[in-house]
Amino acid sequence: MRDTKVALASLVVALGVFGVVVWNAPDYQGTVDWVVDADTLHVSGVPKPVRLARVDAPEADSKIGTALTAQVIDLFHGHEAILWCESELGKYGRLVCEVQIDGVNLSDWLLDTGNVREWSK
C-alpha cells in the first residue's frame, strides 16, 4: 500500500514539473439563470455575466445566433454549471470561463457545431 502511495505522489509531482494540471477546483458553481446569447450566460452565485472562453458565437439577433441561443437555452437553462474562470475580466466586464454543464464543456460543444469561431482575448 505504501508503495502505491509513493508511486502516486511521484506521478503527481512529475506531472506538475512538466506543466500538466492534474486538477483545479472550480471557481464557481451555480444554476444557469439566463442565456444572453450562445456565448454569454448569467449563473446564480456568480457576481458578473459569464463569457465562454475560446469561442465567439454569432450575435443573438442573427439567424444562426438565434438558433444557437435557442439550443443553449433548451439544453442548458436551469441546469447546474461548473465554472473555471480566468483571472482577468474580459471585454464589457464579463468573467471569461470554461463552463461545464451535465459533463459537457460548452465551448467545446459550440465549436463542434461548426457555427462559432475560435476566440482569444
PDB file of N, CA and C in Angstrom:
ATOM      1  N   MET A   1       0.822  -1.190   0.000  1.00  0.00           N
ATOM      2  CA  MET A   1       0.000   0.000   0.000  1.00  0.00           C
ATOM      3  C   MET A   1       0.868   1.256   0.000  1.00  0.00           C
ATOM      4  N   ARG A   2       1.921   1.226   0.834  1.00  0.00           N
ATOM      5  CA  ARG A   2       2.819   2.371   0.905  1.00  0.00           C
ATOM      6  C   ARG A   2       3.476   2.618  -0.448  1.00  0.00           C
ATOM      7  N   ASP A   3       3.853   1.555  -1.157  1.00  0.00           N
ATOM      8  CA  ASP A   3       4.479   1.700  -2.472  1.00  0.00           C
ATOM      9  C   ASP A   3       3.516   2.370  -3.463  1.00  0.00           C
ATOM     10  N   THR A   4       2.238   2.047  -3.367  1.00  0.00           N
ATOM     11  CA  THR A   4       1.239   2.654  -4.246  1.00  0.00           C
ATOM     12  C   THR A   4       1.125   4.145  -3.972  1.00  0.00           C
ATOM     13  N   LYS A   5       1.107   4.528  -2.702  1.00  0.00           N
ATOM     14  CA  LYS A   5       1.012   5.941  -2.345  1.00  0.00           C
ATOM     15  C   LYS A   5       2.238   6.712  -2.816  1.00  0.00           C
ATOM     16  N   VAL A   6       3.416   6.124  -2.654  1.00  0.00           N
ATOM     17  CA  VAL A   6       4.658   6.765  -3.089  1.00  0.00           C
ATOM     18  C   VAL A   6       4.653   6.924  -4.609  1.00  0.00           C
ATOM     19  N   ALA A   7       4.214   5.886  -5.323  1.00  0.00           N
ATOM     20  CA  ALA A   7       4.168   5.951  -6.787  1.00  0.00           C
ATOM     21  C   ALA A   7       3.191   7.027  -7.248  1.00  0.00           C
ATOM     22  N   LEU A   8       2.035   7.102  -6.614  1.00  0.00           N
ATOM     23  CA  LEU A   8       1.046   8.112  -6.975  1.00  0.00           C
ATOM     24  C   LEU A   8       1.568   9.516  -6.695  1.00  0.00           C
ATOM     25  N   ALA A   9       2.182   9.716  -5.557  1.00  0.00           N
ATOM     26  CA  ALA A   9       2.758  11.019  -5.217  1.00  0.00           C
ATOM     27  C   ALA A   9       3.844  11.408  -6.214  1.00  0.00           C
ATOM     28  N   SER A  10       4.669  10.448  -6.621  1.00  0.00           N
ATOM     29  CA  SER A  10       5.725  10.717  -7.607  1.00  0.00           C
ATOM     30  C   SER A  10       5.134  11.119  -8.950  1.00  0.00           C
ATOM     31  N   LEU A  11       4.046  10.463  -9.339  1.00  0.00           N
ATOM     32  CA  LEU A  11       3.387  10.794 -10.599  1.00  0.00           C
ATOM     33  C   LEU A  11       2.825  12.209 -10.566  1.00  0.00           C
ATOM     34  N   VAL A  12       2.192  12.576  -9.470  1.00  0.00           N
ATOM     35  CA  VAL A  12       1.637  13.922  -9.337  1.00  0.00           C
ATOM     36  C   VAL A  12       2.750  14.961  -9.408  1.00  0.00           C
ATOM     37  N   VAL A  13       3.855  14.725  -8.731  1.00  0.00           N
ATOM     38  CA  VAL A  13       4.994  15.647  -8.773  1.00  0.00           C
ATOM     39  C   VAL A  13       5.551  15.726 -10.187  1.00  0.00           C
ATOM     40  N   ALA A  14       5.709  14.597 -10.845  1.00  0.00           N
ATOM     41  CA  ALA A  14       6.251  14.579 -12.205  1.00  0.00           C
ATOM     42  C   ALA A  14       5.339  15.340 -13.161  1.00  0.00           C
ATOM     43  N   LEU A  15       4.035  15.139 -13.055  1.00  0.00           N
ATOM     44  CA  LEU A  15       3.107  15.863 -13.910  1.00  0.00           C
ATOM     45  C   LEU A  15       3.194  17.362 -13.653  1.00  0.00           C
ATOM     46  N   GLY A  16       3.320  17.738 -12.398  1.00  0.00           N
ATOM     47  CA  GLY A  16       3.447  19.154 -12.050  1.00  0.00           C
ATOM     48  C   GLY A  16       4.706  19.766 -12.629  1.00  0.00           C
ATOM     49  N   VAL A  17       5.802  19.037 -12.613  1.00  0.00           N
ATOM     50  CA  VAL A  17       7.080  19.517 -13.148  1.00  0.00           C
ATOM     51  C   VAL A  17       6.968  19.781 -14.641  1.00  0.00           C
ATOM     52  N   PHE A  18       6.208  18.936 -15.345  1.00  0.00           N
ATOM     53  CA  PHE A  18       6.087  19.086 -16.790  1.00  0.00           C
ATOM     54  C   PHE A  18       4.943  20.013 -17.188  1.00  0.00           C
ATOM     55  N   GLY A  19       4.343  20.714 -16.228  1.00  0.00           N
ATOM     56  CA  GLY A  19       3.345  21.718 -16.544  1.00  0.00           C
ATOM     57  C   GLY A  19       1.956  21.180 -16.809  1.00  0.00           C
ATOM     58  N   VAL A  20       1.691  19.958 -16.468  1.00  0.00           N
ATOM     59  CA  VAL A  20       0.365  19.393 -16.674  1.00  0.00           C
ATOM     60  C   VAL A  20      -0.465  19.666 -15.426  1.00  0.00           C
ATOM     61  N   VAL A  21      -1.630  20.244 -15.615  1.00  0.00           N
ATOM     62  CA  VAL A  21      -2.516  20.498 -14.491  1.00  0.00           C
ATOM     63  C   VAL A  21      -3.285  19.223 -14.201  1.00  0.00           C
ATOM     64  N   VAL A  22      -3.145  18.722 -12.996  1.00  0.00           N
ATOM     65  CA  VAL A  22      -3.806  17.486 -12.620  1.00  0.00           C
ATOM     66  C   VAL A  22      -5.273  17.758 -12.323  1.00  0.00           C
ATOM     67  N   TRP A  23      -5.552  18.795 -11.551  1.00  0.00           N
ATOM     68  CA  TRP A  23      -6.928  19.114 -11.199  1.00  0.00           C
ATOM     69  C   TRP A  23      -6.965  20.487 -10.583  1.00  0.00           C
ATOM     70  N   ASN A  24      -7.916  21.276 -11.000  1.00  0.00           N
ATOM     71  CA  ASN A  24      -8.139  22.582 -10.400  1.00  0.00           C
ATOM     72  C   ASN A  24      -9.552  22.636  -9.869  1.00  0.00           C
ATOM     73  N   ALA A  25      -9.698  23.128  -8.686  1.00  0.00           N
ATOM     74  CA  ALA A  25     -11.036  23.306  -8.126  1.00  0.00           C
ATOM     75  C   ALA A  25     -11.761  24.380  -8.930  1.00  0.00           C
ATOM     76  N   PRO A  26     -13.059  24.222  -9.147  1.00  0.00           N
ATOM     77  CA  PRO A  26     -13.797  25.251  -9.887  1.00  0.00           C
ATOM     78  C   PRO A  26     -13.852  26.564  -9.110  1.00  0.00           C
ATOM     79  N   ASP A  27     -13.999  27.657  -9.854  1.00  0.00           N
ATOM     80  CA  ASP A  27     -14.121  28.973  -9.234  1.00  0.00           C
ATOM     81  C   ASP A  27     -15.543  29.232  -8.750  1.00  0.00           C
ATOM     82  N   TYR A  28     -16.525  28.734  -9.495  1.00  0.00           N
ATOM     83  CA  TYR A  28     -17.926  28.950  -9.145  1.00  0.00           C
ATOM     84  C   TYR A  28     -18.736  27.723  -9.546  1.00  0.00           C
ATOM     85  N   GLN A  29     -19.903  27.632  -8.927  1.00  0.00           N
ATOM     86  CA  GLN A  29     -20.868  26.612  -9.292  1.00  0.00           C
ATOM     87  C   GLN A  29     -22.248  27.207  -9.036  1.00  0.00           C
ATOM     88  N   GLY A  30     -23.160  27.069  -9.974  1.00  0.00           N
ATOM     89  CA  GLY A  30     -24.496  27.616  -9.807  1.00  0.00           C
ATOM     90  C   GLY A  30     -25.397  27.193 -10.947  1.00  0.00           C
ATOM     91  N   THR A  31     -26.605  27.705 -10.941  1.00  0.00           N
ATOM     92  CA  THR A  31     -27.601  27.358 -11.953  1.00  0.00           C
ATOM     93  C   THR A  31     -27.608  28.399 -13.064  1.00  0.00           C
ATOM     94  N   VAL A  32     -27.705  27.946 -14.304  1.00  0.00           N
ATOM     95  CA  VAL A  32     -27.817  28.876 -15.436  1.00  0.00           C
ATOM     96  C   VAL A  32     -29.187  29.536 -15.348  1.00  0.00           C
ATOM     97  N   ASP A  33     -29.174  30.849 -15.025  1.00  0.00           N
ATOM     98  CA  ASP A  33     -30.412  31.599 -14.833  1.00  0.00           C
ATOM     99  C   ASP A  33     -30.909  32.267 -16.107  1.00  0.00           C
ATOM    100  N   TRP A  34     -29.954  32.691 -16.947  1.00  0.00           N
ATOM    101  CA  TRP A  34     -30.327  33.481 -18.119  1.00  0.00           C
ATOM    102  C   TRP A  34     -29.262  33.277 -19.190  1.00  0.00           C
ATOM    103  N   VAL A  35     -29.692  33.074 -20.414  1.00  0.00           N
ATOM    104  CA  VAL A  35     -28.795  32.951 -21.556  1.00  0.00           C
ATOM    105  C   VAL A  35     -28.962  34.214 -22.392  1.00  0.00           C
ATOM    106  N   VAL A  36     -27.928  35.049 -22.432  1.00  0.00           N
ATOM    107  CA  VAL A  36     -27.962  36.293 -23.203  1.00  0.00           C
ATOM    108  C   VAL A  36     -27.858  35.964 -24.681  1.00  0.00           C
ATOM    109  N   ASP A  37     -26.848  35.200 -25.025  1.00  0.00           N
ATOM    110  CA  ASP A  37     -26.675  34.639 -26.364  1.00  0.00           C
ATOM    111  C   ASP A  37     -25.830  33.387 -26.195  1.00  0.00           C
ATOM    112  N   ALA A  38     -25.445  32.751 -27.279  1.00  0.00           N
ATOM    113  CA  ALA A  38     -24.809  31.434 -27.180  1.00  0.00           C
ATOM    114  C   ALA A  38     -23.503  31.441 -26.395  1.00  0.00           C
ATOM    115  N   ASP A  39     -22.825  32.592 -26.294  1.00  0.00           N
ATOM    116  CA  ASP A  39     -21.552  32.606 -25.566  1.00  0.00           C
ATOM    117  C   ASP A  39     -21.559  33.488 -24.314  1.00  0.00           C
ATOM    118  N   THR A  40     -22.727  33.919 -23.862  1.00  0.00           N
ATOM    119  CA  THR A  40     -22.820  34.735 -22.646  1.00  0.00           C
ATOM    120  C   THR A  40     -23.986  34.255 -21.786  1.00  0.00           C
ATOM    121  N   LEU A  41     -23.676  33.956 -20.517  1.00  0.00           N
ATOM    122  CA  LEU A  41     -24.660  33.406 -19.590  1.00  0.00           C
ATOM    123  C   LEU A  41     -24.665  34.189 -18.282  1.00  0.00           C
ATOM    124  N   HIS A  42     -25.746  34.064 -17.557  1.00  0.00           N
ATOM    125  CA  HIS A  42     -25.805  34.505 -16.163  1.00  0.00           C
ATOM    126  C   HIS A  42     -26.009  33.244 -15.334  1.00  0.00           C
ATOM    127  N   VAL A  43     -25.179  33.081 -14.315  1.00  0.00           N
ATOM    128  CA  VAL A  43     -25.213  31.893 -13.461  1.00  0.00           C
ATOM    129  C   VAL A  43     -25.416  32.354 -12.019  1.00  0.00           C
ATOM    130  N   SER A  44     -26.354  31.720 -11.311  1.00  0.00           N
ATOM    131  CA  SER A  44     -26.617  32.104  -9.923  1.00  0.00           C
ATOM    132  C   SER A  44     -25.355  31.966  -9.085  1.00  0.00           C
ATOM    133  N   GLY A  45     -25.150  32.923  -8.196  1.00  0.00           N
ATOM    134  CA  GLY A  45     -23.989  32.903  -7.323  1.00  0.00           C
ATOM    135  C   GLY A  45     -22.717  33.432  -7.956  1.00  0.00           C
ATOM    136  N   VAL A  46     -22.779  33.806  -9.225  1.00  0.00           N
ATOM    137  CA  VAL A  46     -21.612  34.357  -9.927  1.00  0.00           C
ATOM    138  C   VAL A  46     -21.837  35.863 -10.031  1.00  0.00           C
ATOM    139  N   PRO A  47     -20.866  36.670  -9.576  1.00  0.00           N
ATOM    140  CA  PRO A  47     -21.105  38.106  -9.441  1.00  0.00           C
ATOM    141  C   PRO A  47     -21.198  38.890 -10.752  1.00  0.00           C
ATOM    142  N   LYS A  48     -20.788  38.318 -11.857  1.00  0.00           N
ATOM    143  CA  LYS A  48     -20.794  39.031 -13.143  1.00  0.00           C
ATOM    144  C   LYS A  48     -21.296  38.096 -14.234  1.00  0.00           C
ATOM    145  N   PRO A  49     -21.700  38.655 -15.378  1.00  0.00           N
ATOM    146  CA  PRO A  49     -22.041  37.789 -16.510  1.00  0.00           C
ATOM    147  C   PRO A  49     -20.830  36.951 -16.912  1.00  0.00           C
ATOM    148  N   VAL A  50     -21.085  35.801 -17.504  1.00  0.00           N
ATOM    149  CA  VAL A  50     -20.033  34.857 -17.878  1.00  0.00           C
ATOM    150  C   VAL A  50     -19.907  34.805 -19.391  1.00  0.00           C
ATOM    151  N   ARG A  51     -18.702  35.059 -19.888  1.00  0.00           N
ATOM    152  CA  ARG A  51     -18.355  34.939 -21.308  1.00  0.00           C
ATOM    153  C   ARG A  51     -17.649  33.612 -21.469  1.00  0.00           C
ATOM    154  N   LEU A  52     -18.154  32.749 -22.354  1.00  0.00           N
ATOM    155  CA  LEU A  52     -17.493  31.466 -22.565  1.00  0.00           C
ATOM    156  C   LEU A  52     -16.106  31.673 -23.158  1.00  0.00           C
ATOM    157  N   ALA A  53     -15.132  30.968 -22.614  1.00  0.00           N
ATOM    158  CA  ALA A  53     -13.756  31.040 -23.105  1.00  0.00           C
ATOM    159  C   ALA A  53     -13.660  30.366 -24.478  1.00  0.00           C
ATOM    160  N   ARG A  54     -12.793  30.879 -25.299  1.00  0.00           N
ATOM    161  CA  ARG A  54     -12.357  30.258 -26.551  1.00  0.00           C
ATOM    162  C   ARG A  54     -13.342  30.298 -27.713  1.00  0.00           C
ATOM    163  N   VAL A  55     -14.530  30.853 -27.532  1.00  0.00           N
ATOM    164  CA  VAL A  55     -15.485  30.867 -28.642  1.00  0.00           C
ATOM    165  C   VAL A  55     -16.063  32.250 -28.867  1.00  0.00           C
ATOM    166  N   ASP A  56     -16.396  32.526 -30.111  1.00  0.00           N
ATOM    167  CA  ASP A  56     -17.104  33.740 -30.483  1.00  0.00           C
ATOM    168  C   ASP A  56     -18.323  33.294 -31.279  1.00  0.00           C
ATOM    169  N   ALA A  57     -19.491  33.390 -30.656  1.00  0.00           N
ATOM    170  CA  ALA A  57     -20.734  32.965 -31.300  1.00  0.00           C
ATOM    171  C   ALA A  57     -21.373  34.139 -32.023  1.00  0.00           C
ATOM    172  N   PRO A  58     -22.121  33.851 -33.079  1.00  0.00           N
ATOM    173  CA  PRO A  58     -22.867  34.919 -33.748  1.00  0.00           C
ATOM    174  C   PRO A  58     -23.834  35.586 -32.763  1.00  0.00           C
ATOM    175  N   GLU A  59     -24.090  36.864 -32.954  1.00  0.00           N
ATOM    176  CA  GLU A  59     -24.997  37.590 -32.062  1.00  0.00           C
ATOM    177  C   GLU A  59     -26.400  37.002 -32.141  1.00  0.00           C
ATOM    178  N   ALA A  60     -27.131  37.146 -31.055  1.00  0.00           N
ATOM    179  CA  ALA A  60     -28.463  36.536 -30.933  1.00  0.00           C
ATOM    180  C   ALA A  60     -29.452  37.075 -31.959  1.00  0.00           C
ATOM    181  N   ASP A  61     -29.191  38.259 -32.519  1.00  0.00           N
ATOM    182  CA  ASP A  61     -30.138  38.815 -33.488  1.00  0.00           C
ATOM    183  C   ASP A  61     -29.882  38.352 -34.922  1.00  0.00           C
ATOM    184  N   SER A  62     -28.876  37.510 -35.153  1.00  0.00           N
ATOM    185  CA  SER A  62     -28.658  36.924 -36.478  1.00  0.00           C
ATOM    186  C   SER A  62     -29.388  35.583 -36.551  1.00  0.00           C
ATOM    187  N   LYS A  63     -29.597  35.078 -37.751  1.00  0.00           N
ATOM    188  CA  LYS A  63     -30.339  33.814 -37.922  1.00  0.00           C
ATOM    189  C   LYS A  63     -29.638  32.652 -37.202  1.00  0.00           C
ATOM    190  N   ILE A  64     -28.339  32.495 -37.433  1.00  0.00           N
ATOM    191  CA  ILE A  64     -27.592  31.418 -36.780  1.00  0.00           C
ATOM    192  C   ILE A  64     -27.497  31.677 -35.277  1.00  0.00           C
ATOM    193  N   GLY A  65     -27.263  32.936 -34.895  1.00  0.00           N
ATOM    194  CA  GLY A  65     -27.170  33.290 -33.482  1.00  0.00           C
ATOM    195  C   GLY A  65     -28.458  32.996 -32.729  1.00  0.00           C
ATOM    196  N   THR A  66     -29.588  33.280 -33.346  1.00  0.00           N
ATOM    197  CA  THR A  66     -30.883  32.996 -32.730  1.00  0.00           C
ATOM    198  C   THR A  66     -31.050  31.498 -32.519  1.00  0.00           C
ATOM    199  N   ALA A  67     -30.691  30.713 -33.534  1.00  0.00           N
ATOM    200  CA  ALA A  67     -30.824  29.250 -33.437  1.00  0.00           C
ATOM    201  C   ALA A  67     -29.892  28.684 -32.368  1.00  0.00           C
ATOM    202  N   LEU A  68     -28.631  29.162 -32.332  1.00  0.00           N
ATOM    203  CA  LEU A  68     -27.685  28.680 -31.320  1.00  0.00           C
ATOM    204  C   LEU A  68     -28.120  29.064 -29.916  1.00  0.00           C
ATOM    205  N   THR A  69     -28.574  30.292 -29.756  1.00  0.00           N
ATOM    206  CA  THR A  69     -29.038  30.746 -28.447  1.00  0.00           C
ATOM    207  C   THR A  69     -30.222  29.890 -27.990  1.00  0.00           C
ATOM    208  N   ALA A  70     -31.138  29.599 -28.894  1.00  0.00           N
ATOM    209  CA  ALA A  70     -32.291  28.751 -28.562  1.00  0.00           C
ATOM    210  C   ALA A  70     -31.835  27.357 -28.136  1.00  0.00           C
ATOM    211  N   GLN A  71     -30.826  26.805 -28.823  1.00  0.00           N
ATOM    212  CA  GLN A  71     -30.289  25.488 -28.448  1.00  0.00           C
ATOM    213  C   GLN A  71     -29.685  25.518 -27.052  1.00  0.00           C
ATOM    214  N   VAL A  72     -28.892  26.552 -26.772  1.00  0.00           N
ATOM    215  CA  VAL A  72     -28.265  26.671 -25.449  1.00  0.00           C
ATOM    216  C   VAL A  72     -29.344  26.785 -24.373  1.00  0.00           C
ATOM    217  N   ILE A  73     -30.371  27.582 -24.639  1.00  0.00           N
ATOM    218  CA  ILE A  73     -31.475  27.717 -23.673  1.00  0.00           C
ATOM    219  C   ILE A  73     -32.150  26.364 -23.457  1.00  0.00           C
ATOM    220  N   ASP A  74     -32.507  25.689 -24.551  1.00  0.00           N
ATOM    221  CA  ASP A  74     -33.213  24.402 -24.445  1.00  0.00           C
ATOM    222  C   ASP A  74     -32.404  23.351 -23.697  1.00  0.00           C
ATOM    223  N   LEU A  75     -31.104  23.303 -23.967  1.00  0.00           N
ATOM    224  CA  LEU A  75     -30.269  22.241 -23.398  1.00  0.00           C
ATOM    225  C   LEU A  75     -29.722  22.555 -22.009  1.00  0.00           C
ATOM    226  N   PHE A  76     -29.482  23.843 -21.706  1.00  0.00           N
ATOM    227  CA  PHE A  76     -28.704  24.150 -20.507  1.00  0.00           C
ATOM    228  C   PHE A  76     -29.359  25.105 -19.508  1.00  0.00           C
ATOM    229  N   HIS A  77     -30.385  25.864 -19.906  1.00  0.00           N
ATOM    230  CA  HIS A  77     -31.027  26.787 -18.963  1.00  0.00           C
ATOM    231  C   HIS A  77     -31.617  26.003 -17.793  1.00  0.00           C
ATOM    232  N   GLY A  78     -31.352  26.481 -16.575  1.00  0.00           N
ATOM    233  CA  GLY A  78     -31.857  25.820 -15.377  1.00  0.00           C
ATOM    234  C   GLY A  78     -30.988  24.682 -14.880  1.00  0.00           C
ATOM    235  N   HIS A  79     -29.918  24.374 -15.599  1.00  0.00           N
ATOM    236  CA  HIS A  79     -29.016  23.294 -15.197  1.00  0.00           C
ATOM    237  C   HIS A  79     -27.874  23.837 -14.351  1.00  0.00           C
ATOM    238  N   GLU A  80     -27.278  22.947 -13.597  1.00  0.00           N
ATOM    239  CA  GLU A  80     -26.123  23.284 -12.753  1.00  0.00           C
ATOM    240  C   GLU A  80     -24.881  23.450 -13.631  1.00  0.00           C
ATOM    241  N   ALA A  81     -24.149  24.547 -13.420  1.00  0.00           N
ATOM    242  CA  ALA A  81     -22.935  24.843 -14.179  1.00  0.00           C
ATOM    243  C   ALA A  81     -21.741  24.880 -13.238  1.00  0.00           C
ATOM    244  N   ILE A  82     -20.619  24.388 -13.728  1.00  0.00           N
ATOM    245  CA  ILE A  82     -19.347  24.451 -13.008  1.00  0.00           C
ATOM    246  C   ILE A  82     -18.432  25.336 -13.846  1.00  0.00           C
ATOM    247  N   LEU A  83     -17.798  26.339 -13.209  1.00  0.00           N
ATOM    248  CA  LEU A  83     -17.006  27.326 -13.940  1.00  0.00           C
ATOM    249  C   LEU A  83     -15.568  27.384 -13.448  1.00  0.00           C
ATOM    250  N   TRP A  84     -14.649  27.435 -14.410  1.00  0.00           N
ATOM    251  CA  TRP A  84     -13.238  27.694 -14.163  1.00  0.00           C
ATOM    252  C   TRP A  84     -12.930  28.983 -14.920  1.00  0.00           C
ATOM    253  N   CYS A  85     -12.607  30.059 -14.206  1.00  0.00           N
ATOM    254  CA  CYS A  85     -12.508  31.389 -14.807  1.00  0.00           C
ATOM    255  C   CYS A  85     -11.073  31.892 -14.874  1.00  0.00           C
ATOM    256  N   GLU A  86     -10.828  32.728 -15.874  1.00  0.00           N
ATOM    257  CA  GLU A  86      -9.542  33.407 -15.991  1.00  0.00           C
ATOM    258  C   GLU A  86      -9.475  34.495 -14.932  1.00  0.00           C
ATOM    259  N   SER A  87      -8.269  34.911 -14.599  1.00  0.00           N
ATOM    260  CA  SER A  87      -8.103  35.894 -13.523  1.00  0.00           C
ATOM    261  C   SER A  87      -8.506  37.302 -13.954  1.00  0.00           C
ATOM    262  N   GLU A  88      -8.423  37.620 -15.240  1.00  0.00           N
ATOM    263  CA  GLU A  88      -8.765  38.954 -15.717  1.00  0.00           C
ATOM    264  C   GLU A  88     -10.155  38.953 -16.339  1.00  0.00           C
ATOM    265  N   LEU A  89     -10.871  40.051 -16.155  1.00  0.00           N
ATOM    266  CA  LEU A  89     -12.173  40.195 -16.791  1.00  0.00           C
ATOM    267  C   LEU A  89     -11.999  40.440 -18.279  1.00  0.00           C
ATOM    268  N   GLY A  90     -12.965  39.982 -19.054  1.00  0.00           N
ATOM    269  CA  GLY A  90     -12.952  40.217 -20.482  1.00  0.00           C
ATOM    270  C   GLY A  90     -13.583  41.556 -20.822  1.00  0.00           C
ATOM    271  N   LYS A  91     -13.729  41.785 -22.102  1.00  0.00           N
ATOM    272  CA  LYS A  91     -14.380  42.995 -22.593  1.00  0.00           C
ATOM    273  C   LYS A  91     -15.774  43.081 -21.983  1.00  0.00           C
ATOM    274  N   TYR A  92     -16.223  44.255 -21.683  1.00  0.00           N
ATOM    275  CA  TYR A  92     -17.535  44.517 -21.074  1.00  0.00           C
ATOM    276  C   TYR A  92     -17.631  44.011 -19.638  1.00  0.00           C
ATOM    277  N   GLY A  93     -16.502  43.736 -18.987  1.00  0.00           N
ATOM    278  CA  GLY A  93     -16.504  43.372 -17.575  1.00  0.00           C
ATOM    279  C   GLY A  93     -17.045  41.991 -17.268  1.00  0.00           C
ATOM    280  N   ARG A  94     -17.057  41.116 -18.249  1.00  0.00           N
ATOM    281  CA  ARG A  94     -17.560  39.759 -18.017  1.00  0.00           C
ATOM    282  C   ARG A  94     -16.428  38.850 -17.551  1.00  0.00           C
ATOM    283  N   LEU A  95     -16.786  37.835 -16.763  1.00  0.00           N
ATOM    284  CA  LEU A  95     -15.840  36.779 -16.420  1.00  0.00           C
ATOM    285  C   LEU A  95     -15.672  35.883 -17.639  1.00  0.00           C
ATOM    286  N   VAL A  96     -14.450  35.516 -17.950  1.00  0.00           N
ATOM    287  CA  VAL A  96     -14.182  34.610 -19.072  1.00  0.00           C
ATOM    288  C   VAL A  96     -13.913  33.237 -18.465  1.00  0.00           C
ATOM    289  N   CYS A  97     -14.767  32.264 -18.800  1.00  0.00           N
ATOM    290  CA  CYS A  97     -14.723  30.981 -18.095  1.00  0.00           C
ATOM    291  C   CYS A  97     -14.913  29.797 -19.026  1.00  0.00           C
ATOM    292  N   GLU A  98     -14.307  28.698 -18.619  1.00  0.00           N
ATOM    293  CA  GLU A  98     -14.675  27.385 -19.154  1.00  0.00           C
ATOM    294  C   GLU A  98     -15.886  26.968 -18.331  1.00  0.00           C
ATOM    295  N   VAL A  99     -16.938  26.537 -18.999  1.00  0.00           N
ATOM    296  CA  VAL A  99     -18.178  26.184 -18.326  1.00  0.00           C
ATOM    297  C   VAL A  99     -18.546  24.753 -18.674  1.00  0.00           C
ATOM    298  N   GLN A 100     -18.802  23.980 -17.631  1.00  0.00           N
ATOM    299  CA  GLN A 100     -19.210  22.595 -17.822  1.00  0.00           C
ATOM    300  C   GLN A 100     -20.620  22.418 -17.258  1.00  0.00           C
ATOM    301  N   ILE A 101     -21.493  21.831 -18.083  1.00  0.00           N
ATOM    302  CA  ILE A 101     -22.868  21.558 -17.671  1.00  0.00           C
ATOM    303  C   ILE A 101     -23.197  20.129 -18.081  1.00  0.00           C
ATOM    304  N   ASP A 102     -23.685  19.355 -17.146  1.00  0.00           N
ATOM    305  CA  ASP A 102     -24.041  17.955 -17.415  1.00  0.00           C
ATOM    306  C   ASP A 102     -22.876  17.196 -18.072  1.00  0.00           C
ATOM    307  N   GLY A 103     -21.657  17.510 -17.634  1.00  0.00           N
ATOM    308  CA  GLY A 103     -20.473  16.830 -18.164  1.00  0.00           C
ATOM    309  C   GLY A 103     -20.019  17.325 -19.528  1.00  0.00           C
ATOM    310  N   VAL A 104     -20.650  18.376 -20.037  1.00  0.00           N
ATOM    311  CA  VAL A 104     -20.326  18.911 -21.364  1.00  0.00           C
ATOM    312  C   VAL A 104     -19.646  20.269 -21.201  1.00  0.00           C
ATOM    313  N   ASN A 105     -18.489  20.446 -21.838  1.00  0.00           N
ATOM    314  CA  ASN A 105     -17.836  21.749 -21.874  1.00  0.00           C
ATOM    315  C   ASN A 105     -18.538  22.561 -22.966  1.00  0.00           C
ATOM    316  N   LEU A 106     -19.167  23.675 -22.584  1.00  0.00           N
ATOM    317  CA  LEU A 106     -19.952  24.451 -23.543  1.00  0.00           C
ATOM    318  C   LEU A 106     -19.129  24.980 -24.706  1.00  0.00           C
ATOM    319  N   SER A 107     -17.903  25.428 -24.449  1.00  0.00           N
ATOM    320  CA  SER A 107     -17.062  25.946 -25.534  1.00  0.00           C
ATOM    321  C   SER A 107     -16.765  24.843 -26.543  1.00  0.00           C
ATOM    322  N   ASP A 108     -16.397  23.661 -26.060  1.00  0.00           N
ATOM    323  CA  ASP A 108     -16.132  22.535 -26.960  1.00  0.00           C
ATOM    324  C   ASP A 108     -17.387  22.168 -27.750  1.00  0.00           C
ATOM    325  N   TRP A 109     -18.531  22.142 -27.061  1.00  0.00           N
ATOM    326  CA  TRP A 109     -19.789  21.787 -27.707  1.00  0.00           C
ATOM    327  C   TRP A 109     -20.121  22.768 -28.824  1.00  0.00           C
ATOM    328  N   LEU A 110     -19.973  24.076 -28.534  1.00  0.00           N
ATOM    329  CA  LEU A 110     -20.252  25.080 -29.558  1.00  0.00           C
ATOM    330  C   LEU A 110     -19.284  24.976 -30.731  1.00  0.00           C
ATOM    331  N   LEU A 111     -17.999  24.744 -30.451  1.00  0.00           N
ATOM    332  CA  LEU A 111     -17.031  24.577 -31.537  1.00  0.00           C
ATOM    333  C   LEU A 111     -17.388  23.367 -32.395  1.00  0.00           C
ATOM    334  N   ASP A 112     -17.859  22.304 -31.771  1.00  0.00           N
ATOM    335  CA  ASP A 112     -18.248  21.101 -32.516  1.00  0.00           C
ATOM    336  C   ASP A 112     -19.439  21.348 -33.438  1.00  0.00           C
ATOM    337  N   THR A 113     -20.286  22.354 -33.127  1.00  0.00           N
ATOM    338  CA  THR A 113     -21.421  22.647 -34.006  1.00  0.00           C
ATOM    339  C   THR A 113     -20.956  23.230 -35.334  1.00  0.00           C
ATOM    340  N   GLY A 114     -19.757  23.820 -35.331  1.00  0.00           N
ATOM    341  CA  GLY A 114     -19.243  24.444 -36.548  1.00  0.00           C
ATOM    342  C   GLY A 114     -19.807  25.833 -36.802  1.00  0.00           C
ATOM    343  N   ASN A 115     -20.611  26.350 -35.877  1.00  0.00           N
ATOM    344  CA  ASN A 115     -21.269  27.638 -36.087  1.00  0.00           C
ATOM    345  C   ASN A 115     -20.632  28.783 -35.305  1.00  0.00           C
ATOM    346  N   VAL A 116     -19.519  28.530 -34.619  1.00  0.00           N
ATOM    347  CA  VAL A 116     -18.827  29.569 -33.869  1.00  0.00           C
ATOM    348  C   VAL A 116     -17.362  29.612 -34.308  1.00  0.00           C
ATOM    349  N   ARG A 117     -16.736  30.747 -34.024  1.00  0.00           N
ATOM    350  CA  ARG A 117     -15.305  30.885 -34.309  1.00  0.00           C
ATOM    351  C   ARG A 117     -14.512  30.706 -33.035  1.00  0.00           C
ATOM    352  N   GLU A 118     -13.278  30.271 -33.188  1.00  0.00           N
ATOM    353  CA  GLU A 118     -12.383  30.258 -32.030  1.00  0.00           C
ATOM    354  C   GLU A 118     -12.062  31.696 -31.691  1.00  0.00           C
ATOM    355  N   TRP A 119     -11.930  31.978 -30.401  1.00  0.00           N
ATOM    356  CA  TRP A 119     -11.711  33.336 -29.922  1.00  0.00           C
ATOM    357  C   TRP A 119     -10.651  33.333 -28.850  1.00  0.00           C
ATOM    358  N   SER A 120      -9.846  34.367 -28.846  1.00  0.00           N
ATOM    359  CA  SER A 120      -8.900  34.576 -27.746  1.00  0.00           C
ATOM    360  C   SER A 120      -8.857  36.060 -27.471  1.00  0.00           C
ATOM    361  N   LYS A 121      -8.546  36.386 -26.199  1.00  0.00           N
ATOM    362  CA  LYS A 121      -8.510  37.797 -25.816  1.00  0.00           C
ATOM    363  C   LYS A 121      -7.369  38.503 -26.505  1.00  0.00           C
TER     364      LYS A 121
END
